[in-house]
Amino acid sequence: MTEPQIQQRDALPYLAIRREVTNGVPAVVDRAFPQLFAWLGEHGIEPAGPPFIRYLEVDRDGEPLEIEVAAPVANGAPEGDGQVRAGTLPAGRYVTALHTGPYRHDDVPDLGDAQAALRTWTEQQGITTGRPSERGLSLAACVEHYKVGPPMEQDWTKWETELAYLVVED
């Protein structure tokens, strides 16, 4: 993982499918991303950047409870319908880092390790990225942008996932 840094970012419009996580993130993602991209194709919408997952809420142990699988879109894209809906990542200061490598692996650092390292770094810096909720923590904008990964690259040593967490200002 690269050294974390703080970046100012503009608002980013997107279309997404929101889901509760009951059987793990992969189970949600493996179904929702194909549904999202099928909907985009049916409506003639090209993503305006790499797809991402937005974590909306985690439990007290940091396990995801609710997420959105999303694709950035140009301003003026349709609002969605039914299960696909529009959203916007807010403008602001984001803590960012780039993970290169697998999403899950037993022997080498994976995306979960990168997430944990970034959370530890933010805590050490006194940076807040969410607010307490009834079930755990509601996250302002906690995002994984999948810059390089399947299906465009089969070699997981080349996969790049950018972590970007909005800094919650007091």
Protein backbone atom coordinates (compact mmCIF):
# COMPACT_ATOMS: atom_id res chain seq x y z
CA MET A 1 0.00 0.00 0.00
CA THR A 2 1.22 3.49 -0.74
CA GLU A 3 1.71 6.00 2.05
CA PRO A 4 -1.64 7.54 3.00
CA GLN A 5 -2.19 11.16 2.02
CA ILE A 6 -4.90 13.80 2.22
CA GLN A 7 -6.39 14.99 -1.08
CA GLN A 8 -9.03 17.59 -1.85
CA ARG A 9 -11.62 16.09 -4.21
CA ASP A 10 -14.55 17.40 -6.19
CA ALA A 11 -18.03 15.92 -5.90
CA LEU A 12 -18.48 12.76 -8.00
CA PRO A 13 -21.91 11.81 -9.36
CA TYR A 14 -22.64 8.11 -9.69
CA LEU A 15 -25.30 5.47 -10.25
CA ALA A 16 -25.47 2.59 -7.79
CA ILE A 17 -27.26 -0.39 -6.37
CA ARG A 18 -27.58 -0.31 -2.57
CA ARG A 19 -27.58 -3.59 -0.64
CA GLU A 20 -27.56 -4.87 2.92
CA VAL A 21 -24.60 -7.19 3.53
CA THR A 22 -25.76 -10.45 5.09
CA ASN A 23 -23.44 -13.09 3.59
CA GLY A 24 -20.28 -11.08 3.05
CA VAL A 25 -19.29 -8.39 0.58
CA PRO A 26 -18.27 -10.80 -2.24
CA ALA A 27 -21.77 -12.30 -2.33
CA VAL A 28 -23.29 -8.84 -2.78
CA VAL A 29 -20.70 -7.57 -5.26
CA ASP A 30 -20.77 -10.68 -7.45
CA ARG A 31 -24.49 -10.14 -8.08
CA ALA A 32 -24.87 -6.36 -7.93
CA PHE A 33 -22.04 -5.27 -10.26
CA PRO A 34 -23.33 -7.34 -13.21
CA GLN A 35 -26.84 -5.98 -12.55
CA LEU A 36 -25.54 -2.41 -12.46
CA PHE A 37 -23.50 -2.74 -15.66
CA ALA A 38 -26.40 -4.44 -17.45
CA TRP A 39 -28.64 -1.50 -16.47
CA LEU A 40 -26.03 1.03 -17.64
CA GLY A 41 -25.72 -0.80 -20.97
CA GLU A 42 -29.50 -0.94 -21.45
CA HIS A 43 -29.63 2.83 -20.93
CA GLY A 44 -26.59 3.63 -23.10
CA ILE A 45 -24.57 5.05 -20.20
CA GLU A 46 -20.77 4.82 -20.22
CA PRO A 47 -19.11 4.97 -16.79
CA ALA A 48 -17.01 8.12 -16.29
CA GLY A 49 -14.29 6.25 -14.38
CA PRO A 50 -13.54 3.03 -12.54
CA PRO A 51 -16.31 1.27 -10.62
CA PHE A 52 -16.33 1.45 -6.85
CA ILE A 53 -17.88 0.20 -3.66
CA ARG A 54 -19.13 2.77 -1.17
CA TYR A 55 -19.37 1.47 2.38
CA LEU A 56 -22.29 3.16 4.13
CA GLU A 57 -22.34 1.46 7.52
CA VAL A 58 -20.20 -1.04 9.41
CA ASP A 59 -20.85 -2.90 12.65
CA ARG A 60 -18.88 -2.41 15.86
CA ASP A 61 -16.22 -4.87 14.60
CA GLY A 62 -15.84 -3.00 11.28
CA GLU A 63 -17.76 -5.56 9.22
CA PRO A 64 -19.83 -4.00 6.41
CA LEU A 65 -23.59 -3.82 6.99
CA GLU A 66 -24.67 -1.72 4.01
CA ILE A 67 -22.88 -0.87 0.75
CA GLU A 68 -23.44 0.57 -2.69
CA VAL A 69 -21.83 -0.87 -5.81
CA ALA A 70 -21.40 2.07 -8.13
CA ALA A 71 -20.10 3.55 -11.34
CA PRO A 72 -19.25 7.24 -11.74
CA VAL A 73 -21.26 9.03 -14.41
CA ALA A 74 -21.16 12.39 -16.15
CA ASN A 75 -23.31 15.20 -14.79
CA GLY A 76 -26.75 15.03 -16.32
CA ALA A 77 -26.97 11.21 -16.26
CA PRO A 78 -30.43 9.83 -15.52
CA GLU A 79 -31.55 9.47 -11.91
CA GLY A 80 -31.91 5.70 -12.16
CA ASP A 81 -35.05 3.71 -11.55
CA GLY A 82 -36.06 0.97 -9.16
CA GLN A 83 -32.93 -0.68 -7.84
CA VAL A 84 -30.47 1.67 -9.59
CA ARG A 85 -30.32 5.14 -8.13
CA ALA A 86 -28.24 8.26 -8.38
CA GLY A 87 -25.86 9.48 -5.71
CA THR A 88 -22.94 11.84 -5.27
CA LEU A 89 -19.69 11.39 -3.40
CA PRO A 90 -19.35 14.71 -1.60
CA ALA A 91 -16.55 17.14 -2.29
CA GLY A 92 -14.03 17.44 0.49
CA ARG A 93 -10.81 16.22 1.99
CA TYR A 94 -10.20 12.48 1.57
CA VAL A 95 -7.59 10.21 3.11
CA THR A 96 -6.31 8.11 0.20
CA ALA A 97 -3.97 5.19 -0.39
CA LEU A 98 -3.40 2.78 -3.28
CA HIS A 99 -3.37 -0.99 -2.68
CA THR A 100 -1.70 -3.11 -5.35
CA GLY A 101 -2.47 -6.79 -5.14
CA PRO A 102 -5.25 -9.25 -4.45
CA TYR A 103 -8.64 -8.61 -2.89
CA ARG A 104 -8.35 -11.71 -0.68
CA HIS A 105 -5.31 -13.91 -0.09
CA ASP A 106 -3.97 -16.10 2.71
CA ASP A 107 -0.24 -15.54 2.12
CA VAL A 108 0.27 -11.98 0.84
CA PRO A 109 -1.10 -8.61 1.98
CA ASP A 110 -4.59 -8.20 0.55
CA LEU A 111 -7.26 -5.52 0.37
CA GLY A 112 -8.46 -6.29 3.90
CA ASP A 113 -4.93 -5.66 5.19
CA ALA A 114 -4.82 -2.34 3.30
CA GLN A 115 -8.19 -1.31 4.77
CA ALA A 116 -6.98 -2.14 8.29
CA ALA A 117 -3.71 -0.25 7.77
CA LEU A 118 -5.55 2.84 6.51
CA ARG A 119 -8.02 2.74 9.43
CA THR A 120 -5.09 2.47 11.86
CA TRP A 121 -3.33 5.40 10.18
CA THR A 122 -6.45 7.60 10.35
CA GLU A 123 -6.90 6.76 14.04
CA GLN A 124 -3.23 7.59 14.76
CA GLN A 125 -3.67 10.93 12.98
CA GLY A 126 -6.88 11.72 14.89
CA ILE A 127 -8.91 11.71 11.66
CA THR A 128 -12.61 10.85 11.81
CA THR A 129 -14.31 9.17 8.84
CA GLY A 130 -17.70 8.33 10.30
CA ARG A 131 -20.19 8.81 13.11
CA PRO A 132 -21.60 6.29 15.62
CA SER A 133 -24.85 4.62 14.56
CA GLU A 134 -27.21 2.22 16.30
CA ARG A 135 -25.51 -0.73 14.60
CA GLY A 136 -21.92 0.53 14.61
CA LEU A 137 -20.53 3.34 12.47
CA SER A 138 -22.16 5.36 9.69
CA LEU A 139 -19.49 6.32 7.14
CA ALA A 140 -19.51 9.69 5.38
CA ALA A 141 -17.88 8.41 2.18
CA CYS A 142 -15.70 5.32 2.50
CA VAL A 143 -14.88 4.16 -1.02
CA GLU A 144 -12.82 1.55 -2.89
CA HIS A 145 -12.17 2.55 -6.51
CA TYR A 146 -11.23 -0.49 -8.63
CA LYS A 147 -8.70 1.13 -10.97
CA VAL A 148 -7.23 -2.13 -12.35
CA GLY A 149 -8.73 -5.56 -11.76
CA PRO A 150 -10.71 -8.33 -13.34
CA PRO A 151 -11.87 -8.58 -16.05
CA MET A 152 -9.32 -6.19 -17.64
CA GLU A 153 -6.31 -7.77 -15.88
CA GLN A 154 -6.11 -11.41 -14.78
CA ASP A 155 -2.78 -11.08 -12.92
CA TRP A 156 -3.79 -10.10 -9.37
CA THR A 157 -0.29 -8.76 -8.65
CA LYS A 158 -1.22 -5.86 -10.97
CA TRP A 159 -4.67 -5.09 -9.51
CA GLU A 160 -4.95 -1.54 -8.14
CA THR A 161 -7.58 -0.46 -5.65
CA GLU A 162 -7.66 3.11 -4.40
CA LEU A 163 -9.05 3.58 -0.92
CA ALA A 164 -10.59 7.01 -0.30
CA TYR A 165 -12.23 7.98 3.01
CA LEU A 166 -13.89 11.36 3.43
CA VAL A 167 -12.57 13.26 6.44
CA VAL A 168 -15.45 14.21 8.73
CA GLU A 169 -14.88 17.77 9.87
CA ASP A 170 -16.01 18.61 13.39
